[in-house]
Amino acid sequence: MSIKFNREAYTKVFNDLDKLRDYCRFEGKVFDEKALYKKDHPTWIAYGKWQNYIRAKARNGGQNFQPRRN
């Protein structure tokens, strides 16, 4: 009897961990491995917002947005 490993799942977790580590390193956040996938952890929340910002920036061609004057 052998154990079947799900290599894709392991690869995804370690890639996400590397991305979180790089984010914490460049943004000056405290890196904690326990923060990975915890929705209520402040570092994970900030990382999610940063990812959304990068995704929106890429989607809009890198345009600089000016705040509206009301």
PDB file of N, CA and C in Angstrom:
ATOM      1  N   MET A   1       0.848  -1.182   0.000  1.00  0.00           N
ATOM      2  CA  MET A   1       0.000   0.000   0.000  1.00  0.00           C
ATOM      3  C   MET A   1       0.893   1.246   0.000  1.00  0.00           C
ATOM      4  N   SER A   2       0.663   2.109  -0.936  1.00  0.00           N
ATOM      5  CA  SER A   2       1.483   3.318  -1.023  1.00  0.00           C
ATOM      6  C   SER A   2       0.612   4.549  -0.842  1.00  0.00           C
ATOM      7  N   ILE A   3       1.265   5.599  -0.446  1.00  0.00           N
ATOM      8  CA  ILE A   3       0.576   6.875  -0.254  1.00  0.00           C
ATOM      9  C   ILE A   3       0.689   7.663  -1.542  1.00  0.00           C
ATOM     10  N   LYS A   4      -0.426   8.176  -2.005  1.00  0.00           N
ATOM     11  CA  LYS A   4      -0.423   8.986  -3.216  1.00  0.00           C
ATOM     12  C   LYS A   4      -0.344  10.461  -2.814  1.00  0.00           C
ATOM     13  N   PHE A   5       0.653  11.155  -3.317  1.00  0.00           N
ATOM     14  CA  PHE A   5       0.855  12.556  -2.984  1.00  0.00           C
ATOM     15  C   PHE A   5       0.230  13.439  -4.057  1.00  0.00           C
ATOM     16  N   ASN A   6      -0.370  14.509  -3.623  1.00  0.00           N
ATOM     17  CA  ASN A   6      -0.950  15.475  -4.534  1.00  0.00           C
ATOM     18  C   ASN A   6       0.078  16.589  -4.744  1.00  0.00           C
ATOM     19  N   ARG A   7       0.927  16.395  -5.728  1.00  0.00           N
ATOM     20  CA  ARG A   7       2.042  17.316  -5.965  1.00  0.00           C
ATOM     21  C   ARG A   7       1.556  18.726  -6.290  1.00  0.00           C
ATOM     22  N   GLU A   8       0.436  18.857  -7.012  1.00  0.00           N
ATOM     23  CA  GLU A   8      -0.071  20.186  -7.371  1.00  0.00           C
ATOM     24  C   GLU A   8      -0.464  20.986  -6.136  1.00  0.00           C
ATOM     25  N   ALA A   9      -1.062  20.326  -5.153  1.00  0.00           N
ATOM     26  CA  ALA A   9      -1.459  21.021  -3.929  1.00  0.00           C
ATOM     27  C   ALA A   9      -0.237  21.499  -3.158  1.00  0.00           C
ATOM     28  N   TYR A  10       0.770  20.642  -3.060  1.00  0.00           N
ATOM     29  CA  TYR A  10       1.990  21.040  -2.362  1.00  0.00           C
ATOM     30  C   TYR A  10       2.679  22.198  -3.077  1.00  0.00           C
ATOM     31  N   THR A  11       2.726  22.115  -4.389  1.00  0.00           N
ATOM     32  CA  THR A  11       3.359  23.174  -5.170  1.00  0.00           C
ATOM     33  C   THR A  11       2.634  24.501  -4.982  1.00  0.00           C
ATOM     34  N   LYS A  12       1.294  24.478  -4.979  1.00  0.00           N
ATOM     35  CA  LYS A  12       0.511  25.700  -4.790  1.00  0.00           C
ATOM     36  C   LYS A  12       0.782  26.317  -3.418  1.00  0.00           C
ATOM     37  N   VAL A  13       0.801  25.497  -2.383  1.00  0.00           N
ATOM     38  CA  VAL A  13       1.022  26.010  -1.030  1.00  0.00           C
ATOM     39  C   VAL A  13       2.404  26.645  -0.914  1.00  0.00           C
ATOM     40  N   PHE A  14       3.421  25.965  -1.423  1.00  0.00           N
ATOM     41  CA  PHE A  14       4.774  26.516  -1.303  1.00  0.00           C
ATOM     42  C   PHE A  14       4.969  27.745  -2.180  1.00  0.00           C
ATOM     43  N   ASN A  15       4.334  27.790  -3.339  1.00  0.00           N
ATOM     44  CA  ASN A  15       4.412  28.993  -4.171  1.00  0.00           C
ATOM     45  C   ASN A  15       3.724  30.161  -3.490  1.00  0.00           C
ATOM     46  N   ASP A  16       2.555  29.921  -2.892  1.00  0.00           N
ATOM     47  CA  ASP A  16       1.860  30.984  -2.163  1.00  0.00           C
ATOM     48  C   ASP A  16       2.671  31.453  -0.963  1.00  0.00           C
ATOM     49  N   LEU A  17       3.330  30.522  -0.305  1.00  0.00           N
ATOM     50  CA  LEU A  17       4.167  30.888   0.836  1.00  0.00           C
ATOM     51  C   LEU A  17       5.339  31.758   0.399  1.00  0.00           C
ATOM     52  N   ASP A  18       5.942  31.442  -0.743  1.00  0.00           N
ATOM     53  CA  ASP A  18       7.035  32.268  -1.266  1.00  0.00           C
ATOM     54  C   ASP A  18       6.543  33.659  -1.656  1.00  0.00           C
ATOM     55  N   LYS A  19       5.352  33.739  -2.252  1.00  0.00           N
ATOM     56  CA  LYS A  19       4.801  35.045  -2.631  1.00  0.00           C
ATOM     57  C   LYS A  19       4.501  35.886  -1.397  1.00  0.00           C
ATOM     58  N   LEU A  20       3.961  35.263  -0.358  1.00  0.00           N
ATOM     59  CA  LEU A  20       3.682  35.987   0.886  1.00  0.00           C
ATOM     60  C   LEU A  20       4.980  36.454   1.527  1.00  0.00           C
ATOM     61  N   ARG A  21       6.009  35.617   1.515  1.00  0.00           N
ATOM     62  CA  ARG A  21       7.300  36.001   2.083  1.00  0.00           C
ATOM     63  C   ARG A  21       7.898  37.191   1.332  1.00  0.00           C
ATOM     64  N   ASP A  22       7.821  37.165   0.002  1.00  0.00           N
ATOM     65  CA  ASP A  22       8.340  38.281  -0.784  1.00  0.00           C
ATOM     66  C   ASP A  22       7.558  39.561  -0.506  1.00  0.00           C
ATOM     67  N   TYR A  23       6.236  39.445  -0.399  1.00  0.00           N
ATOM     68  CA  TYR A  23       5.409  40.615  -0.082  1.00  0.00           C
ATOM     69  C   TYR A  23       5.831  41.204   1.267  1.00  0.00           C
ATOM     70  N   CYS A  24       5.972  40.354   2.260  1.00  0.00           N
ATOM     71  CA  CYS A  24       6.347  40.844   3.593  1.00  0.00           C
ATOM     72  C   CYS A  24       7.729  41.475   3.580  1.00  0.00           C
ATOM     73  N   ARG A  25       8.629  40.902   2.813  1.00  0.00           N
ATOM     74  CA  ARG A  25       9.988  41.433   2.751  1.00  0.00           C
ATOM     75  C   ARG A  25      10.018  42.805   2.110  1.00  0.00           C
ATOM     76  N   PHE A  26       9.292  42.981   1.010  1.00  0.00           N
ATOM     77  CA  PHE A  26       9.334  44.250   0.287  1.00  0.00           C
ATOM     78  C   PHE A  26       8.464  45.328   0.916  1.00  0.00           C
ATOM     79  N   GLU A  27       7.395  44.943   1.574  1.00  0.00           N
ATOM     80  CA  GLU A  27       6.491  45.924   2.167  1.00  0.00           C
ATOM     81  C   GLU A  27       6.769  46.184   3.647  1.00  0.00           C
ATOM     82  N   GLY A  28       7.717  45.495   4.224  1.00  0.00           N
ATOM     83  CA  GLY A  28       8.087  45.736   5.617  1.00  0.00           C
ATOM     84  C   GLY A  28       7.122  45.130   6.620  1.00  0.00           C
ATOM     85  N   LYS A  29       6.414  44.097   6.223  1.00  0.00           N
ATOM     86  CA  LYS A  29       5.486  43.417   7.135  1.00  0.00           C
ATOM     87  C   LYS A  29       6.220  42.292   7.850  1.00  0.00           C
ATOM     88  N   VAL A  30       5.675  41.879   8.982  1.00  0.00           N
ATOM     89  CA  VAL A  30       6.244  40.762   9.719  1.00  0.00           C
ATOM     90  C   VAL A  30       5.786  39.472   9.045  1.00  0.00           C
ATOM     91  N   PHE A  31       6.740  38.622   8.652  1.00  0.00           N
ATOM     92  CA  PHE A  31       6.405  37.367   7.978  1.00  0.00           C
ATOM     93  C   PHE A  31       6.104  36.309   9.019  1.00  0.00           C
ATOM     94  N   ASP A  32       4.923  35.732   8.906  1.00  0.00           N
ATOM     95  CA  ASP A  32       4.515  34.652   9.789  1.00  0.00           C
ATOM     96  C   ASP A  32       3.860  33.585   8.925  1.00  0.00           C
ATOM     97  N   GLU A  33       4.430  32.394   8.921  1.00  0.00           N
ATOM     98  CA  GLU A  33       3.911  31.319   8.078  1.00  0.00           C
ATOM     99  C   GLU A  33       2.483  30.935   8.456  1.00  0.00           C
ATOM    100  N   LYS A  34       2.124  31.166   9.707  1.00  0.00           N
ATOM    101  CA  LYS A  34       0.776  30.827  10.149  1.00  0.00           C
ATOM    102  C   LYS A  34      -0.281  31.734   9.528  1.00  0.00           C
ATOM    103  N   ALA A  35       0.133  32.847   8.945  1.00  0.00           N
ATOM    104  CA  ALA A  35      -0.821  33.785   8.351  1.00  0.00           C
ATOM    105  C   ALA A  35      -1.353  33.302   7.012  1.00  0.00           C
ATOM    106  N   LEU A  36      -0.695  32.302   6.416  1.00  0.00           N
ATOM    107  CA  LEU A  36      -1.092  31.822   5.102  1.00  0.00           C
ATOM    108  C   LEU A  36      -2.503  31.259   5.148  1.00  0.00           C
ATOM    109  N   TYR A  37      -3.394  31.811   4.317  1.00  0.00           N
ATOM    110  CA  TYR A  37      -4.797  31.407   4.157  1.00  0.00           C
ATOM    111  C   TYR A  37      -5.684  31.712   5.368  1.00  0.00           C
ATOM    112  N   LYS A  38      -5.206  32.478   6.347  1.00  0.00           N
ATOM    113  CA  LYS A  38      -6.061  32.872   7.473  1.00  0.00           C
ATOM    114  C   LYS A  38      -6.724  34.196   7.130  1.00  0.00           C
ATOM    115  N   LYS A  39      -8.015  34.173   6.939  1.00  0.00           N
ATOM    116  CA  LYS A  39      -8.731  35.359   6.466  1.00  0.00           C
ATOM    117  C   LYS A  39      -8.773  36.492   7.486  1.00  0.00           C
ATOM    118  N   ASP A  40      -8.574  36.191   8.766  1.00  0.00           N
ATOM    119  CA  ASP A  40      -8.656  37.239   9.782  1.00  0.00           C
ATOM    120  C   ASP A  40      -7.285  37.757  10.221  1.00  0.00           C
ATOM    121  N   HIS A  41      -6.214  37.266   9.629  1.00  0.00           N
ATOM    122  CA  HIS A  41      -4.864  37.720   9.988  1.00  0.00           C
ATOM    123  C   HIS A  41      -4.561  39.024   9.236  1.00  0.00           C
ATOM    124  N   PRO A  42      -4.071  40.060   9.928  1.00  0.00           N
ATOM    125  CA  PRO A  42      -3.833  41.356   9.281  1.00  0.00           C
ATOM    126  C   PRO A  42      -2.857  41.294   8.105  1.00  0.00           C
ATOM    127  N   THR A  43      -1.844  40.461   8.198  1.00  0.00           N
ATOM    128  CA  THR A  43      -0.889  40.355   7.098  1.00  0.00           C
ATOM    129  C   THR A  43      -1.544  39.734   5.869  1.00  0.00           C
ATOM    130  N   TRP A  44      -2.376  38.720   6.071  1.00  0.00           N
ATOM    131  CA  TRP A  44      -3.060  38.074   4.941  1.00  0.00           C
ATOM    132  C   TRP A  44      -4.072  39.026   4.310  1.00  0.00           C
ATOM    133  N   ILE A  45      -4.753  39.828   5.119  1.00  0.00           N
ATOM    134  CA  ILE A  45      -5.709  40.808   4.596  1.00  0.00           C
ATOM    135  C   ILE A  45      -4.969  41.846   3.745  1.00  0.00           C
ATOM    136  N   ALA A  46      -3.837  42.352   4.254  1.00  0.00           N
ATOM    137  CA  ALA A  46      -3.055  43.347   3.506  1.00  0.00           C
ATOM    138  C   ALA A  46      -2.493  42.739   2.226  1.00  0.00           C
ATOM    139  N   TYR A  47      -2.076  41.492   2.283  1.00  0.00           N
ATOM    140  CA  TYR A  47      -1.554  40.815   1.090  1.00  0.00           C
ATOM    141  C   TYR A  47      -2.645  40.656   0.037  1.00  0.00           C
ATOM    142  N   GLY A  48      -3.849  40.317   0.471  1.00  0.00           N
ATOM    143  CA  GLY A  48      -4.970  40.192  -0.466  1.00  0.00           C
ATOM    144  C   GLY A  48      -5.311  41.517  -1.128  1.00  0.00           C
ATOM    145  N   LYS A  49      -5.291  42.592  -0.367  1.00  0.00           N
ATOM    146  CA  LYS A  49      -5.563  43.909  -0.935  1.00  0.00           C
ATOM    147  C   LYS A  49      -4.467  44.314  -1.913  1.00  0.00           C
ATOM    148  N   TRP A  50      -3.224  43.996  -1.590  1.00  0.00           N
ATOM    149  CA  TRP A  50      -2.111  44.305  -2.477  1.00  0.00           C
ATOM    150  C   TRP A  50      -2.231  43.524  -3.781  1.00  0.00           C
ATOM    151  N   GLN A  51      -2.609  42.246  -3.692  1.00  0.00           N
ATOM    152  CA  GLN A  51      -2.804  41.436  -4.899  1.00  0.00           C
ATOM    153  C   GLN A  51      -3.910  42.015  -5.772  1.00  0.00           C
ATOM    154  N   ASN A  52      -5.006  42.458  -5.159  1.00  0.00           N
ATOM    155  CA  ASN A  52      -6.094  43.063  -5.925  1.00  0.00           C
ATOM    156  C   ASN A  52      -5.640  44.356  -6.597  1.00  0.00           C
ATOM    157  N   TYR A  53      -4.810  45.139  -5.912  1.00  0.00           N
ATOM    158  CA  TYR A  53      -4.283  46.377  -6.489  1.00  0.00           C
ATOM    159  C   TYR A  53      -3.414  46.067  -7.707  1.00  0.00           C
ATOM    160  N   ILE A  54      -2.526  45.073  -7.572  1.00  0.00           N
ATOM    161  CA  ILE A  54      -1.650  44.704  -8.685  1.00  0.00           C
ATOM    162  C   ILE A  54      -2.475  44.167  -9.854  1.00  0.00           C
ATOM    163  N   ARG A  55      -3.492  43.371  -9.560  1.00  0.00           N
ATOM    164  CA  ARG A  55      -4.348  42.829 -10.614  1.00  0.00           C
ATOM    165  C   ARG A  55      -5.088  43.946 -11.337  1.00  0.00           C
ATOM    166  N   ALA A  56      -5.606  44.917 -10.606  1.00  0.00           N
ATOM    167  CA  ALA A  56      -6.336  46.036 -11.211  1.00  0.00           C
ATOM    168  C   ALA A  56      -5.386  46.916 -12.029  1.00  0.00           C
ATOM    169  N   LYS A  57      -4.180  47.093 -11.523  1.00  0.00           N
ATOM    170  CA  LYS A  57      -3.199  47.904 -12.233  1.00  0.00           C
ATOM    171  C   LYS A  57      -2.834  47.249 -13.564  1.00  0.00           C
ATOM    172  N   ALA A  58      -2.662  45.949 -13.565  1.00  0.00           N
ATOM    173  CA  ALA A  58      -2.338  45.226 -14.800  1.00  0.00           C
ATOM    174  C   ALA A  58      -3.525  45.238 -15.759  1.00  0.00           C
ATOM    175  N   ARG A  59      -4.722  45.143 -15.222  1.00  0.00           N
ATOM    176  CA  ARG A  59      -5.925  45.118 -16.063  1.00  0.00           C
ATOM    177  C   ARG A  59      -6.128  46.455 -16.759  1.00  0.00           C
ATOM    178  N   ASN A  60      -5.755  47.548 -16.129  1.00  0.00           N
ATOM    179  CA  ASN A  60      -5.965  48.879 -16.687  1.00  0.00           C
ATOM    180  C   ASN A  60      -4.738  49.407 -17.412  1.00  0.00           C
ATOM    181  N   GLY A  61      -3.809  48.548 -17.731  1.00  0.00           N
ATOM    182  CA  GLY A  61      -2.638  48.964 -18.494  1.00  0.00           C
ATOM    183  C   GLY A  61      -1.670  49.826 -17.717  1.00  0.00           C
ATOM    184  N   GLY A  62      -1.690  49.776 -16.403  1.00  0.00           N
ATOM    185  CA  GLY A  62      -0.759  50.544 -15.600  1.00  0.00           C
ATOM    186  C   GLY A  62      -1.043  52.035 -15.552  1.00  0.00           C
ATOM    187  N   GLN A  63      -2.271  52.431 -15.852  1.00  0.00           N
ATOM    188  CA  GLN A  63      -2.610  53.852 -15.832  1.00  0.00           C
ATOM    189  C   GLN A  63      -2.564  54.384 -14.412  1.00  0.00           C
ATOM    190  N   ASN A  64      -2.130  55.596 -14.273  1.00  0.00           N
ATOM    191  CA  ASN A  64      -2.174  56.269 -12.984  1.00  0.00           C
ATOM    192  C   ASN A  64      -3.547  56.897 -12.824  1.00  0.00           C
ATOM    193  N   PHE A  65      -4.138  56.668 -11.695  1.00  0.00           N
ATOM    194  CA  PHE A  65      -5.467  57.183 -11.451  1.00  0.00           C
ATOM    195  C   PHE A  65      -5.391  58.450 -10.615  1.00  0.00           C
ATOM    196  N   GLN A  66      -6.110  59.443 -11.025  1.00  0.00           N
ATOM    197  CA  GLN A  66      -6.185  60.696 -10.287  1.00  0.00           C
ATOM    198  C   GLN A  66      -7.489  60.696  -9.501  1.00  0.00           C
ATOM    199  N   PRO A  67      -7.443  61.079  -8.237  1.00  0.00           N
ATOM    200  CA  PRO A  67      -8.683  61.129  -7.468  1.00  0.00           C
ATOM    201  C   PRO A  67      -9.631  62.182  -8.036  1.00  0.00           C
ATOM    202  N   ARG A  68     -10.892  61.884  -7.952  1.00  0.00           N
ATOM    203  CA  ARG A  68     -11.889  62.826  -8.460  1.00  0.00           C
ATOM    204  C   ARG A  68     -11.993  64.035  -7.554  1.00  0.00           C
ATOM    205  N   ARG A  69     -12.246  65.166  -8.173  1.00  0.00           N
ATOM    206  CA  ARG A  69     -12.491  66.379  -7.391  1.00  0.00           C
ATOM    207  C   ARG A  69     -13.985  66.637  -7.417  1.00  0.00           C
ATOM    208  N   ASN A  70     -14.572  66.623  -6.280  1.00  0.00           N
ATOM    209  CA  ASN A  70     -16.019  66.871  -6.195  1.00  0.00           C
ATOM    210  C   ASN A  70     -16.294  68.264  -5.683  1.00  0.00           C
TER     211      ASN A  70
END
